[in-house]
Amino acid sequence: QAEEELKEGCARRALQLQEMGRRECLLRADVSRAKEQLESFKTRVMRACSPAAAAGVAGKAVTEQQVIEKVRQISEENQQSREREKCLQEELSSRLSKEKEVSANIEVFRKSLEELQ
């Protein structure tokens, strides 16, 4: 009976090992697929960020550092654009208030001219 239990235990262990091997294969395939997707994503990011740079790296793996630098550059350019937009909005606001002031002065001047006539 003990021998039978040992055989059953060994058989269960063998099945568990087979299942673990199958899972390992699936995990390796998932990791491989994830690596391919990452490379594809990095290349698409580089193409979107800089078509000229992407042409230069065609056929070569794009490094994470290249992607990070490109995203950082775009982020800085975006920040500069927002700051420039803010300055332009302030300038526009200033010009509009000056225009209103000039219009009000013209209206006062026009009324004064009408009264004089």
Protein backbone atom coordinates (compact mmCIF):
# COMPACT_ATOMS: atom_id res chain seq x y z
CA GLN A 1 0.00 0.00 0.00
CA ALA A 2 2.84 2.40 0.82
CA GLU A 3 4.40 1.59 -2.54
CA GLU A 4 1.08 2.35 -4.26
CA GLU A 5 0.87 5.71 -2.44
CA LEU A 6 4.43 6.53 -3.47
CA LYS A 7 3.63 5.69 -7.10
CA GLU A 8 0.52 7.88 -6.99
CA GLY A 9 2.54 10.69 -5.37
CA CYS A 10 5.21 10.36 -8.06
CA ALA A 11 2.56 10.41 -10.77
CA ARG A 12 1.00 13.55 -9.28
CA ARG A 13 4.42 15.18 -9.07
CA ALA A 14 5.13 14.24 -12.69
CA LEU A 15 1.83 15.81 -13.77
CA GLN A 16 2.62 18.94 -11.73
CA LEU A 17 6.05 19.16 -13.35
CA GLN A 18 4.51 18.80 -16.81
CA GLU A 19 2.01 21.54 -15.99
CA MET A 20 4.79 23.78 -14.67
CA GLY A 21 6.78 23.15 -17.86
CA ARG A 22 3.75 24.03 -19.99
CA ARG A 23 3.21 27.23 -18.00
CA GLU A 24 6.89 28.13 -18.33
CA CYS A 25 6.63 27.74 -22.11
CA LEU A 26 3.55 29.97 -22.17
CA LEU A 27 5.29 32.57 -20.01
CA ARG A 28 8.36 32.55 -22.25
CA ALA A 29 6.13 33.08 -25.28
CA ASP A 30 4.35 35.95 -23.48
CA VAL A 31 7.67 37.58 -22.57
CA SER A 32 8.89 37.25 -26.15
CA ARG A 33 5.68 38.77 -27.49
CA ALA A 34 5.90 41.61 -24.93
CA LYS A 35 9.48 42.37 -26.02
CA GLU A 36 8.39 42.53 -29.66
CA GLN A 37 5.50 44.82 -28.75
CA LEU A 38 7.84 47.08 -26.76
CA GLU A 39 10.26 47.37 -29.68
CA SER A 40 7.38 48.12 -32.03
CA PHE A 41 6.02 50.74 -29.63
CA LYS A 42 9.41 52.42 -29.23
CA THR A 43 9.85 52.54 -33.01
CA ARG A 44 6.35 54.00 -33.48
CA VAL A 45 7.07 56.62 -30.83
CA MET A 46 10.28 57.59 -32.60
CA ARG A 47 8.47 57.77 -35.96
CA ALA A 48 5.72 59.91 -34.48
CA CYS A 49 8.18 62.17 -32.68
CA SER A 50 10.71 62.54 -35.43
CA PRO A 51 10.21 60.91 -38.83
CA ALA A 52 13.77 61.86 -39.88
CA ALA A 53 15.26 60.22 -36.79
CA ALA A 54 13.10 57.13 -37.30
CA ALA A 55 14.42 56.82 -40.86
CA GLY A 56 17.95 56.88 -39.45
CA VAL A 57 17.19 54.02 -37.07
CA ALA A 58 15.23 51.90 -39.53
CA GLY A 59 16.22 48.30 -39.11
CA LYS A 60 17.94 49.02 -35.78
CA ALA A 61 16.45 48.59 -32.34
CA VAL A 62 15.42 51.89 -30.81
CA THR A 63 16.88 52.25 -27.34
CA GLU A 64 14.79 53.24 -24.37
CA GLN A 65 17.14 56.18 -23.85
CA GLN A 66 16.41 57.47 -27.36
CA VAL A 67 12.67 57.28 -26.71
CA ILE A 68 13.05 58.96 -23.31
CA GLU A 69 15.17 61.77 -24.77
CA LYS A 70 12.69 62.33 -27.62
CA VAL A 71 9.72 62.41 -25.24
CA ARG A 72 11.66 64.78 -22.95
CA GLN A 73 12.45 67.05 -25.92
CA ILE A 74 8.81 67.11 -27.00
CA SER A 75 7.74 67.83 -23.43
CA GLU A 76 10.15 70.77 -23.22
CA GLU A 77 8.95 72.11 -26.57
CA ASN A 78 5.37 71.78 -25.35
CA GLN A 79 6.21 73.71 -22.18
CA GLN A 80 7.90 76.45 -24.21
CA SER A 81 4.84 76.64 -26.47
CA ARG A 82 2.55 77.02 -23.46
CA GLU A 83 4.75 79.78 -22.05
CA ARG A 84 4.79 81.54 -25.43
CA GLU A 85 1.01 81.20 -25.66
CA LYS A 86 0.66 82.71 -22.18
CA CYS A 87 2.85 85.66 -23.17
CA LEU A 88 0.85 86.17 -26.36
CA GLN A 89 -2.42 86.03 -24.39
CA GLU A 90 -1.10 88.67 -21.99
CA GLU A 91 0.04 90.83 -24.90
CA LEU A 92 -3.33 90.44 -26.61
CA SER A 93 -5.15 91.31 -23.41
CA SER A 94 -2.99 94.40 -22.99
CA ARG A 95 -3.61 95.51 -26.57
CA LEU A 96 -7.35 94.96 -26.21
CA SER A 97 -7.50 97.10 -23.08
CA LYS A 98 -5.48 99.83 -24.85
CA GLU A 99 -7.83 99.60 -27.81
CA LYS A 100 -10.84 100.01 -25.51
CA GLU A 101 -9.18 103.01 -23.89
CA VAL A 102 -8.46 104.59 -27.29
CA SER A 103 -12.03 103.88 -28.43
CA ALA A 104 -13.39 105.51 -25.28
CA ASN A 105 -11.15 108.55 -25.83
CA ILE A 106 -12.26 108.78 -29.47
CA GLU A 107 -15.90 108.65 -28.35
CA VAL A 108 -15.29 111.45 -25.81
CA PHE A 109 -13.49 113.46 -28.48
CA ARG A 110 -16.34 112.87 -30.98
CA LYS A 111 -18.95 114.01 -28.45
CA SER A 112 -16.87 117.08 -27.66
CA LEU A 113 -16.67 117.92 -31.37
CA GLU A 114 -20.44 117.53 -31.74
CA GLU A 115 -21.03 119.86 -28.78
CA LEU A 116 -18.69 122.43 -30.28
CA GLN A 117 -20.52 122.35 -33.59
